[in-house]
Amino acid sequence: MTAPPRLSVVIPAFNEAIRLPPYLDEVVGFLEGRGEPYEVVVADDGSTDGTAAAVRALAERHPVVRLLPLGRNRGKGAAVRAGMLAAAGAARLFTDADGATPIAELKRLEPALASGADIVIGSRVLLDPAVAVRTRRHRVAAGRVFNWLVARLGLRGVADSQCGFKLFTAAAAEALFGALETAGFAFDVELLLRAQATGYRIVEVPVNWADQPGSKVGVLRSGPGMVVQILRARRRIGRR
């Protein structure tokens, strides 16, 4: 009988036929070297390119990789939610398909989870001489403004809510993603607001990160909608 996975890695993907395959290879190569049972769940958010075919091709060589098709494009939050709830690992990581955060950074997050944290989030803002963050200046400025605004809207003590590299215990993942309602890019903020309201222990850890071309999130394009999503999430959580 196959042992249940100790770790699930969930990757949301929308039209990632170019960027996803090399990162999937990186993820599988790293996890194979650890000698522990794992799974990789790719939540395909209604891609219209070759994303699904690329995942199926890798899954033929590595059965631990599986495709979770959502059928239509619902948004990043909906894709991560579906993947995390379909996962079976005792620990569950979601990471972005562009590979901006190398999968090896998981080693920075795991000690905090082992020490009792419920959620460990990668940070591009916290300073650490052992890590490097390579990004464009306008994205740094936009990130600072967004994080300042998020703090004003109620998320305290989190320097970087939007880094797409977050690790959860199974219990925290099932409770938080089961309640998640934000389908768009602001889903991280709703998750963390819910986690703080519930009393989950959140630890933030600096990680290596490199800006990748082809980002689907733009300050002017996505920012206003994300603020609206956060306001709605805050009202929902406040009522409950």
Protein backbone atom coordinates (compact mmCIF):
# COMPACT_ATOMS: atom_id res chain seq x y z
CA MET A 1 0.00 0.00 0.00
CA THR A 2 1.31 3.46 -0.92
CA ALA A 3 2.19 5.61 2.07
CA PRO A 4 0.15 8.81 2.42
CA PRO A 5 2.10 11.90 1.39
CA ARG A 6 3.92 13.76 4.10
CA LEU A 7 3.94 16.83 1.89
CA SER A 8 1.59 18.14 -0.79
CA VAL A 9 2.80 20.85 -3.16
CA VAL A 10 -0.06 22.72 -4.82
CA ILE A 11 0.64 24.83 -7.91
CA PRO A 12 -2.13 26.98 -9.42
CA ALA A 13 -1.72 27.40 -13.16
CA PHE A 14 -3.43 29.47 -15.82
CA ASN A 15 -1.86 29.36 -19.29
CA GLU A 16 1.55 28.37 -17.89
CA ALA A 17 2.70 26.01 -20.65
CA ILE A 18 6.03 27.89 -20.90
CA ARG A 19 6.92 28.68 -17.28
CA LEU A 20 5.44 25.68 -15.47
CA PRO A 21 7.31 22.67 -16.97
CA PRO A 22 10.83 23.69 -15.85
CA TYR A 23 9.54 24.53 -12.37
CA LEU A 24 7.70 21.21 -12.17
CA ASP A 25 10.96 19.45 -13.03
CA GLU A 26 12.68 21.43 -10.28
CA VAL A 27 9.98 20.55 -7.74
CA VAL A 28 10.00 16.83 -8.55
CA GLY A 29 13.82 16.65 -8.60
CA PHE A 30 14.06 18.33 -5.20
CA LEU A 31 11.36 16.23 -3.53
CA GLU A 32 12.61 12.95 -5.01
CA GLY A 33 15.94 13.60 -3.31
CA ARG A 34 14.33 13.82 0.13
CA GLY A 35 13.16 10.21 0.25
CA GLU A 36 9.76 11.05 1.76
CA PRO A 37 6.29 10.43 0.30
CA TYR A 38 4.91 13.49 -1.45
CA GLU A 39 2.50 14.62 -4.12
CA VAL A 40 2.30 17.54 -6.52
CA VAL A 41 -1.15 18.85 -7.40
CA VAL A 42 -1.41 21.24 -10.35
CA ALA A 43 -4.74 23.08 -10.24
CA ASP A 44 -5.36 24.08 -13.86
CA ASP A 45 -7.51 27.20 -13.77
CA GLY A 46 -9.13 26.76 -17.18
CA SER A 47 -5.96 27.10 -19.27
CA THR A 48 -6.41 27.36 -23.03
CA ASP A 49 -2.79 26.62 -23.98
CA GLY A 50 -0.73 23.46 -23.48
CA THR A 51 -0.59 23.60 -19.67
CA ALA A 52 -2.70 20.48 -19.11
CA ALA A 53 -0.79 18.49 -21.73
CA ALA A 54 2.55 19.45 -20.18
CA VAL A 55 1.40 18.32 -16.72
CA ARG A 56 0.03 15.03 -18.06
CA ALA A 57 3.33 14.34 -19.84
CA LEU A 58 5.27 14.74 -16.60
CA ALA A 59 2.69 12.71 -14.68
CA GLU A 60 3.32 9.77 -17.00
CA ARG A 61 6.93 9.70 -15.76
CA HIS A 62 6.12 10.70 -12.17
CA PRO A 63 2.73 9.42 -10.93
CA VAL A 64 3.05 11.59 -7.82
CA VAL A 65 2.15 14.52 -10.09
CA ARG A 66 -1.54 14.92 -10.81
CA LEU A 67 -3.61 17.40 -12.74
CA LEU A 68 -6.69 18.93 -11.14
CA PRO A 69 -8.68 20.61 -13.94
CA LEU A 70 -11.09 23.34 -12.85
CA GLY A 71 -12.82 23.43 -16.23
CA ARG A 72 -13.03 27.21 -16.53
CA ASN A 73 -11.02 30.17 -15.34
CA ARG A 74 -12.19 31.06 -11.83
CA GLY A 75 -9.21 32.98 -10.43
CA LYS A 76 -6.02 32.19 -8.56
CA GLY A 77 -7.72 32.00 -5.18
CA ALA A 78 -10.23 29.46 -6.47
CA ALA A 79 -7.46 27.37 -8.01
CA VAL A 80 -5.34 27.32 -4.84
CA ARG A 81 -8.42 26.52 -2.76
CA ALA A 82 -9.33 23.56 -4.97
CA GLY A 83 -5.79 22.23 -4.91
CA MET A 84 -5.30 22.57 -1.17
CA LEU A 85 -8.61 20.85 -0.40
CA ALA A 86 -7.84 18.05 -2.86
CA ALA A 87 -4.39 17.51 -1.33
CA ALA A 88 -3.72 14.77 1.21
CA GLY A 89 -0.40 15.78 2.76
CA ALA A 90 0.15 16.33 6.47
CA ALA A 91 1.84 19.58 5.39
CA ARG A 92 0.62 21.55 2.35
CA LEU A 93 2.59 24.13 0.43
CA PHE A 94 1.29 26.30 -2.35
CA THR A 95 3.76 27.89 -4.70
CA ASP A 96 3.49 29.93 -7.87
CA ALA A 97 3.90 28.32 -11.28
CA ASP A 98 6.54 30.80 -12.41
CA GLY A 99 9.10 29.41 -9.96
CA ALA A 100 9.92 32.86 -8.55
CA THR A 101 10.61 31.14 -5.23
CA PRO A 102 12.85 28.08 -5.68
CA ILE A 103 11.32 24.96 -4.18
CA ALA A 104 14.46 24.48 -2.08
CA GLU A 105 13.27 27.44 0.02
CA LEU A 106 10.86 24.97 1.59
CA LYS A 107 13.73 24.08 3.91
CA ARG A 108 13.53 27.58 5.40
CA LEU A 109 9.83 27.21 6.20
CA GLU A 110 9.67 23.68 7.57
CA PRO A 111 11.46 24.26 10.92
CA ALA A 112 8.81 26.80 11.98
CA LEU A 113 6.03 24.34 11.15
CA ALA A 114 7.84 21.62 13.11
CA SER A 115 8.12 24.04 16.07
CA GLY A 116 4.37 24.53 16.32
CA ALA A 117 3.37 27.13 13.72
CA ASP A 118 0.13 26.50 11.85
CA ILE A 119 1.09 28.62 8.85
CA VAL A 120 4.54 29.65 7.61
CA ILE A 121 4.70 32.25 4.88
CA GLY A 122 7.62 33.21 2.70
CA SER A 123 8.56 36.88 2.76
CA ARG A 124 10.27 39.11 0.22
CA VAL A 125 10.28 41.99 2.69
CA LEU A 126 11.96 40.68 5.84
CA LEU A 127 15.70 41.21 5.72
CA ASP A 128 18.17 38.34 5.93
CA PRO A 129 21.78 38.45 4.66
CA ALA A 130 21.41 34.82 3.56
CA VAL A 131 18.65 35.53 1.04
CA ALA A 132 18.34 37.69 -2.06
CA VAL A 133 15.26 39.26 -3.61
CA ARG A 134 15.65 40.36 -7.23
CA THR A 135 12.84 42.52 -8.53
CA ARG A 136 12.11 45.74 -10.39
CA ARG A 137 11.94 49.01 -8.46
CA HIS A 138 8.35 49.80 -9.33
CA ARG A 139 7.25 46.41 -7.98
CA VAL A 140 9.08 47.08 -4.70
CA ALA A 141 7.34 50.43 -4.35
CA ALA A 142 3.96 48.98 -5.26
CA GLY A 143 4.42 46.13 -2.79
CA ARG A 144 5.20 48.52 0.05
CA VAL A 145 2.11 50.60 -0.68
CA PHE A 146 -0.07 47.49 -0.90
CA ASN A 147 1.25 46.03 2.36
CA TRP A 148 0.76 49.38 4.11
CA LEU A 149 -2.83 49.47 2.88
CA VAL A 150 -3.45 45.86 3.92
CA ALA A 151 -2.23 46.67 7.43
CA ARG A 152 -4.67 49.61 7.58
CA LEU A 153 -7.44 47.20 6.55
CA GLY A 154 -6.78 44.93 9.52
CA LEU A 155 -3.97 42.50 8.70
CA ARG A 156 -1.39 43.28 11.38
CA GLY A 157 2.09 41.86 11.86
CA VAL A 158 2.55 40.47 8.34
CA ALA A 159 5.22 42.17 6.24
CA ASP A 160 4.45 40.43 2.94
CA SER A 161 0.99 38.96 2.47
CA GLN A 162 1.31 38.31 -1.27
CA CYS A 163 4.36 36.09 -1.65
CA GLY A 164 3.13 32.93 -3.36
CA PHE A 165 5.00 30.51 -1.12
CA LYS A 166 3.02 29.46 1.96
CA LEU A 167 3.09 26.28 4.07
CA PHE A 168 0.18 25.00 6.17
CA THR A 169 -0.57 22.12 8.47
CA ALA A 170 -3.33 19.93 7.05
CA ALA A 171 -5.74 21.05 9.77
CA ALA A 172 -5.14 24.75 9.11
CA ALA A 173 -5.35 24.27 5.34
CA GLU A 174 -8.65 22.42 5.51
CA ALA A 175 -10.24 24.92 7.89
CA LEU A 176 -9.05 28.08 6.15
CA PHE A 177 -9.42 27.03 2.53
CA GLY A 178 -12.75 25.43 3.33
CA ALA A 179 -14.01 28.86 4.41
CA LEU A 180 -12.20 30.91 1.74
CA GLU A 181 -14.51 32.93 -0.53
CA THR A 182 -12.14 35.25 -2.42
CA ALA A 183 -11.48 33.75 -5.84
CA GLY A 184 -9.10 36.44 -7.11
CA PHE A 185 -5.57 37.57 -6.34
CA ALA A 186 -6.43 38.99 -2.90
CA PHE A 187 -7.22 35.53 -1.50
CA ASP A 188 -3.98 35.53 0.54
CA VAL A 189 -5.21 38.46 2.60
CA GLU A 190 -8.54 36.79 3.36
CA LEU A 191 -6.70 33.61 4.39
CA LEU A 192 -4.44 35.49 6.77
CA LEU A 193 -7.28 37.60 8.18
CA ARG A 194 -9.22 34.40 8.89
CA ALA A 195 -6.12 32.80 10.40
CA GLN A 196 -5.59 35.73 12.77
CA ALA A 197 -9.27 35.82 13.73
CA THR A 198 -9.18 32.09 14.49
CA GLY A 199 -5.98 32.29 16.52
CA TYR A 200 -3.69 30.29 14.25
CA ARG A 201 -0.01 30.86 14.78
CA ILE A 202 1.55 32.53 11.72
CA VAL A 203 5.31 32.74 11.20
CA GLU A 204 6.95 34.74 8.43
CA VAL A 205 10.32 33.65 7.01
CA PRO A 206 12.58 35.45 4.50
CA VAL A 207 13.01 33.53 1.22
CA ASN A 208 14.99 33.90 -1.97
CA TRP A 209 12.81 35.27 -4.73
CA ALA A 210 13.40 36.46 -8.28
CA ASP A 211 10.96 38.43 -10.40
CA GLN A 212 9.86 36.45 -13.46
CA PRO A 213 8.66 37.83 -16.80
CA GLY A 214 5.03 37.27 -17.71
CA SER A 215 3.39 38.19 -14.41
CA LYS A 216 -0.41 38.20 -14.50
CA VAL A 217 -0.65 40.70 -11.62
CA GLY A 218 -0.22 44.41 -12.36
CA VAL A 219 -0.48 47.28 -9.90
CA LEU A 220 -2.85 49.35 -12.02
CA ARG A 221 -4.59 46.39 -13.62
CA SER A 222 -5.16 44.26 -10.51
CA GLY A 223 -4.73 46.63 -7.54
CA PRO A 224 -8.18 48.28 -7.37
CA GLY A 225 -9.98 44.96 -7.69
CA MET A 226 -7.82 43.43 -4.97
CA VAL A 227 -8.69 46.26 -2.57
CA VAL A 228 -12.39 45.65 -3.20
CA GLN A 229 -11.92 41.92 -2.58
CA ILE A 230 -10.15 42.63 0.72
CA LEU A 231 -12.88 45.00 1.91
CA ARG A 232 -15.54 42.40 1.15
CA ALA A 233 -13.55 39.68 2.92
CA ARG A 234 -13.05 41.89 5.96
CA ARG A 235 -16.80 42.55 6.20
CA ARG A 236 -17.60 38.82 5.90
CA ILE A 237 -15.12 37.89 8.62
CA GLY A 238 -16.28 40.73 10.87
CA ARG A 239 -19.90 39.61 10.65
CA ARG A 240 -18.96 36.08 11.69
